């Protein structure tokens, strides 16, 4: 830890500048990390797009199945009503 000084010599200021300039290397490393995260984010986006596409396909198929099930139930209900009507009128 540095002690507080009343005045700074040129040499001390040069030392301080060198210490502060070490953060330039850290900034460069963070730039590299940012680029890697950008690539990773792009890959994640592509994969989620693929998952979204597949889920949309599944939803479409489920919609078709639900529609067919509804038509089947309505057809069976109509058939049972016709049969019940025939039994009641002839019975």
N, C-alpha and C. Protein backbone atom coordinates (compact mmCIF):
# COMPACT_ATOMS: atom_id res chain seq x y z
N UNK A 1 0.84 -1.16 0.00
CA UNK A 1 0.00 0.00 0.00
C UNK A 1 0.88 1.23 0.00
N UNK A 2 0.49 2.21 -0.76
CA UNK A 2 1.27 3.44 -0.87
C UNK A 2 0.99 4.35 0.31
N UNK A 3 2.05 5.02 0.77
CA UNK A 3 1.90 6.01 1.83
C UNK A 3 1.55 7.34 1.20
N UNK A 4 0.75 8.13 1.86
CA UNK A 4 0.39 9.45 1.36
C UNK A 4 1.63 10.34 1.38
N UNK A 5 1.80 11.08 0.31
CA UNK A 5 2.95 11.98 0.22
C UNK A 5 2.46 13.40 -0.03
N UNK A 6 3.25 14.33 0.45
CA UNK A 6 2.93 15.73 0.21
C UNK A 6 3.23 16.10 -1.24
N UNK A 7 4.30 15.57 -1.78
CA UNK A 7 4.68 15.91 -3.15
C UNK A 7 5.10 14.64 -3.89
N UNK A 8 5.05 14.73 -5.19
CA UNK A 8 5.41 13.59 -6.02
C UNK A 8 6.59 13.98 -6.89
N UNK A 9 7.55 13.07 -6.94
CA UNK A 9 8.68 13.31 -7.81
C UNK A 9 8.33 12.78 -9.19
N UNK A 10 9.08 13.18 -10.19
CA UNK A 10 8.87 12.68 -11.54
C UNK A 10 9.00 11.17 -11.58
N UNK A 11 9.95 10.67 -10.83
CA UNK A 11 10.16 9.22 -10.79
C UNK A 11 8.94 8.51 -10.21
N UNK A 12 8.38 9.06 -9.14
CA UNK A 12 7.19 8.47 -8.53
C UNK A 12 6.00 8.53 -9.48
N UNK A 13 5.88 9.64 -10.20
CA UNK A 13 4.79 9.76 -11.16
C UNK A 13 4.95 8.75 -12.29
N UNK A 14 6.20 8.52 -12.71
CA UNK A 14 6.45 7.51 -13.74
C UNK A 14 6.07 6.12 -13.23
N UNK A 15 6.42 5.84 -11.98
CA UNK A 15 6.05 4.55 -11.38
C UNK A 15 4.53 4.40 -11.33
N UNK A 16 3.87 5.47 -10.94
CA UNK A 16 2.40 5.44 -10.87
C UNK A 16 1.80 5.20 -12.26
N UNK A 17 2.34 5.88 -13.26
CA UNK A 17 1.84 5.71 -14.62
C UNK A 17 2.02 4.26 -15.07
N UNK A 18 3.17 3.68 -14.76
CA UNK A 18 3.40 2.28 -15.15
C UNK A 18 2.41 1.35 -14.45
N UNK A 19 2.11 1.62 -13.21
CA UNK A 19 1.14 0.81 -12.48
C UNK A 19 -0.25 0.92 -13.11
N UNK A 20 -0.62 2.12 -13.47
CA UNK A 20 -1.94 2.34 -14.05
C UNK A 20 -2.03 1.73 -15.44
N UNK A 21 -0.98 1.76 -16.19
CA UNK A 21 -0.99 1.22 -17.55
C UNK A 21 -1.13 -0.30 -17.58
N UNK A 22 -0.94 -0.95 -16.48
CA UNK A 22 -1.15 -2.40 -16.44
C UNK A 22 -2.60 -2.75 -16.74
N UNK A 23 -3.51 -1.82 -16.49
CA UNK A 23 -4.92 -2.09 -16.75
C UNK A 23 -5.22 -2.15 -18.24
N UNK A 24 -4.33 -1.64 -19.07
CA UNK A 24 -4.53 -1.75 -20.51
C UNK A 24 -4.55 -3.22 -20.93
N UNK A 25 -3.69 -4.02 -20.31
CA UNK A 25 -3.68 -5.45 -20.60
C UNK A 25 -5.00 -6.10 -20.18
N UNK A 26 -5.51 -5.68 -19.05
CA UNK A 26 -6.79 -6.21 -18.58
C UNK A 26 -7.88 -5.85 -19.57
N UNK A 27 -7.88 -4.62 -20.06
CA UNK A 27 -8.88 -4.20 -21.05
C UNK A 27 -8.79 -5.05 -22.31
N UNK A 28 -7.58 -5.34 -22.76
CA UNK A 28 -7.42 -6.17 -23.95
C UNK A 28 -7.98 -7.58 -23.72
N UNK A 29 -7.73 -8.12 -22.53
CA UNK A 29 -8.26 -9.45 -22.22
C UNK A 29 -9.78 -9.43 -22.16
N UNK A 30 -10.35 -8.36 -21.60
CA UNK A 30 -11.80 -8.27 -21.58
C UNK A 30 -12.36 -8.15 -22.99
N UNK A 31 -11.65 -7.48 -23.88
CA UNK A 31 -12.10 -7.41 -25.27
C UNK A 31 -12.17 -8.80 -25.89
N UNK A 32 -11.17 -9.62 -25.59
CA UNK A 32 -11.17 -11.00 -26.10
C UNK A 32 -12.35 -11.79 -25.51
N UNK A 33 -12.58 -11.60 -24.22
CA UNK A 33 -13.70 -12.29 -23.57
C UNK A 33 -15.02 -11.84 -24.19
N UNK A 34 -15.15 -10.54 -24.45
CA UNK A 34 -16.37 -10.02 -25.08
C UNK A 34 -16.60 -10.66 -26.44
N UNK A 35 -15.55 -10.82 -27.22
CA UNK A 35 -15.70 -11.47 -28.53
C UNK A 35 -16.15 -12.91 -28.39
N UNK A 36 -15.59 -13.61 -27.40
CA UNK A 36 -15.99 -15.00 -27.18
C UNK A 36 -17.45 -15.07 -26.76
N UNK A 37 -17.87 -14.16 -25.90
CA UNK A 37 -19.28 -14.14 -25.49
C UNK A 37 -20.19 -13.82 -26.67
N UNK A 38 -19.75 -12.94 -27.56
CA UNK A 38 -20.56 -12.64 -28.74
C UNK A 38 -20.75 -13.89 -29.59
N UNK A 39 -19.67 -14.66 -29.78
CA UNK A 39 -19.78 -15.90 -30.55
C UNK A 39 -20.70 -16.89 -29.83
N UNK A 40 -20.52 -17.00 -28.52
CA UNK A 40 -21.36 -17.91 -27.72
C UNK A 40 -22.82 -17.50 -27.80
N UNK A 41 -23.07 -16.20 -27.68
CA UNK A 41 -24.45 -15.71 -27.75
C UNK A 41 -25.06 -16.02 -29.11
N UNK A 42 -24.29 -15.87 -30.17
CA UNK A 42 -24.79 -16.22 -31.50
C UNK A 42 -25.13 -17.69 -31.61
N UNK A 43 -24.30 -18.53 -31.06
CA UNK A 43 -24.55 -19.98 -31.09
C UNK A 43 -25.80 -20.33 -30.29
N UNK A 44 -25.95 -19.73 -29.12
CA UNK A 44 -27.14 -19.98 -28.29
C UNK A 44 -28.39 -19.52 -29.03
N UNK A 45 -28.31 -18.35 -29.68
CA UNK A 45 -29.47 -17.86 -30.44
C UNK A 45 -29.84 -18.83 -31.56
N UNK A 46 -28.85 -19.35 -32.26
CA UNK A 46 -29.13 -20.31 -33.34
C UNK A 46 -29.79 -21.57 -32.78
N UNK A 47 -29.29 -22.04 -31.66
CA UNK A 47 -29.87 -23.26 -31.09
C UNK A 47 -31.29 -23.02 -30.59
N UNK A 48 -31.54 -21.88 -29.97
CA UNK A 48 -32.89 -21.58 -29.52
C UNK A 48 -33.83 -21.40 -30.70
N UNK A 49 -33.33 -20.84 -31.80
CA UNK A 49 -34.16 -20.73 -33.00
C UNK A 49 -34.57 -22.12 -33.49
N UNK A 50 -33.62 -23.06 -33.45
CA UNK A 50 -33.93 -24.42 -33.88
C UNK A 50 -34.95 -25.07 -32.94
N UNK A 51 -34.79 -24.87 -31.64
CA UNK A 51 -35.74 -25.41 -30.66
C UNK A 51 -37.12 -24.79 -30.88
N UNK A 52 -37.17 -23.47 -31.11
CA UNK A 52 -38.45 -22.80 -31.38
C UNK A 52 -39.12 -23.39 -32.61
N UNK A 53 -38.34 -23.63 -33.64
CA UNK A 53 -38.89 -24.21 -34.87
C UNK A 53 -39.49 -25.59 -34.60
N UNK A 54 -38.75 -26.42 -33.87
CA UNK A 54 -39.24 -27.76 -33.58
C UNK A 54 -40.49 -27.71 -32.69
N UNK A 55 -40.51 -26.82 -31.72
CA UNK A 55 -41.69 -26.70 -30.86
C UNK A 55 -42.90 -26.22 -31.66
N UNK A 56 -42.68 -25.34 -32.62
CA UNK A 56 -43.78 -24.91 -33.48
C UNK A 56 -44.34 -26.08 -34.29
N UNK A 57 -43.45 -26.95 -34.76
CA UNK A 57 -43.91 -28.14 -35.49
C UNK A 57 -44.75 -29.03 -34.58
N UNK A 58 -44.29 -29.24 -33.35
CA UNK A 58 -45.03 -30.07 -32.40
C UNK A 58 -46.39 -29.43 -32.11
N UNK A 59 -46.41 -28.11 -31.91
CA UNK A 59 -47.69 -27.43 -31.64
C UNK A 59 -48.65 -27.59 -32.82
N UNK A 60 -48.13 -27.49 -34.03
CA UNK A 60 -48.99 -27.66 -35.21
C UNK A 60 -49.59 -29.07 -35.25
N UNK A 61 -48.76 -30.06 -34.95
CA UNK A 61 -49.26 -31.44 -34.95
C UNK A 61 -50.29 -31.65 -33.84
N UNK A 62 -50.06 -31.07 -32.67
CA UNK A 62 -51.04 -31.20 -31.59
C UNK A 62 -52.34 -30.50 -31.94
N UNK A 63 -52.27 -29.38 -32.64
CA UNK A 63 -53.50 -28.70 -33.08
C UNK A 63 -54.30 -29.59 -34.02
N UNK A 64 -53.61 -30.24 -34.94
CA UNK A 64 -54.30 -31.14 -35.88
C UNK A 64 -54.94 -32.30 -35.12
N UNK A 65 -54.21 -32.88 -34.18
CA UNK A 65 -54.75 -34.00 -33.41
C UNK A 65 -55.96 -33.56 -32.59
N UNK A 66 -55.91 -32.38 -31.99
CA UNK A 66 -57.04 -31.90 -31.19
C UNK A 66 -58.26 -31.69 -32.08
N UNK A 67 -58.04 -31.15 -33.27
CA UNK A 67 -59.14 -30.94 -34.20
C UNK A 67 -59.76 -32.28 -34.61
N UNK A 68 -58.92 -33.27 -34.91
CA UNK A 68 -59.43 -34.59 -35.30
C UNK A 68 -60.19 -35.24 -34.15
N UNK A 69 -59.69 -35.08 -32.94
CA UNK A 69 -60.37 -35.64 -31.77
C UNK A 69 -61.73 -34.99 -31.60
N UNK A 70 -61.80 -33.67 -31.77
CA UNK A 70 -63.07 -32.97 -31.64
C UNK A 70 -64.07 -33.46 -32.70
N UNK A 71 -63.62 -33.60 -33.95
CA UNK A 71 -64.50 -34.11 -35.00
C UNK A 71 -64.97 -35.53 -34.69
N UNK A 72 -64.09 -36.34 -34.16
CA UNK A 72 -64.45 -37.71 -33.81
C UNK A 72 -65.51 -37.74 -32.71
N UNK A 73 -65.32 -36.92 -31.68
CA UNK A 73 -66.29 -36.88 -30.58
C UNK A 73 -67.64 -36.37 -31.10
N UNK A 74 -67.62 -35.33 -31.93
CA UNK A 74 -68.87 -34.82 -32.47
C UNK A 74 -69.57 -35.86 -33.35
N UNK A 75 -68.81 -36.58 -34.14
CA UNK A 75 -69.39 -37.62 -34.99
C UNK A 75 -70.00 -38.73 -34.15
N UNK A 76 -69.28 -39.17 -33.12
CA UNK A 76 -69.80 -40.23 -32.26
C UNK A 76 -71.04 -39.75 -31.50
N UNK A 77 -71.03 -38.51 -31.04
CA UNK A 77 -72.20 -37.97 -30.34
C UNK A 77 -73.40 -37.91 -31.28
N UNK A 78 -73.16 -37.43 -32.50
CA UNK A 78 -74.25 -37.39 -33.48
C UNK A 78 -74.78 -38.77 -33.79
N UNK A 79 -73.91 -39.73 -33.93
CA UNK A 79 -74.33 -41.11 -34.19
C UNK A 79 -75.16 -41.67 -33.04
N UNK A 80 -74.74 -41.39 -31.81
CA UNK A 80 -75.49 -41.89 -30.66
C UNK A 80 -76.86 -41.22 -30.58
N UNK A 81 -76.93 -39.92 -30.93
CA UNK A 81 -78.23 -39.23 -30.93
C UNK A 81 -79.16 -39.80 -31.99
N UNK A 82 -78.62 -40.10 -33.16
CA UNK A 82 -79.43 -40.71 -34.23
C UNK A 82 -79.92 -42.08 -33.77
N UNK A 83 -79.05 -42.88 -33.21
CA UNK A 83 -79.43 -44.20 -32.72
C UNK A 83 -80.50 -44.11 -31.62
N UNK A 84 -80.30 -43.18 -30.69
CA UNK A 84 -81.27 -42.99 -29.60
C UNK A 84 -82.61 -42.56 -30.17
N UNK A 85 -82.59 -41.66 -31.18
CA UNK A 85 -83.83 -41.21 -31.81
C UNK A 85 -84.53 -42.36 -32.51
N UNK A 86 -83.75 -43.20 -33.16
CA UNK A 86 -84.35 -44.34 -33.88
C UNK A 86 -84.97 -45.31 -32.88
N UNK A 87 -84.33 -45.57 -31.78
CA UNK A 87 -84.85 -46.49 -30.78
C UNK A 87 -86.13 -45.91 -30.16
N UNK A 88 -86.11 -44.62 -29.86
CA UNK A 88 -87.27 -44.01 -29.22
C UNK A 88 -88.49 -43.92 -30.16
N UNK A 89 -88.24 -43.70 -31.45
CA UNK A 89 -89.37 -43.58 -32.37
C UNK A 89 -89.91 -44.96 -32.75
N UNK A 90 -89.12 -45.97 -32.76
CA UNK A 90 -89.59 -47.31 -33.14
C UNK A 90 -89.93 -48.16 -31.93
N UNK A 91 -89.66 -47.65 -30.79
CA UNK A 91 -89.82 -48.44 -29.60
C UNK A 91 -91.12 -48.33 -28.94
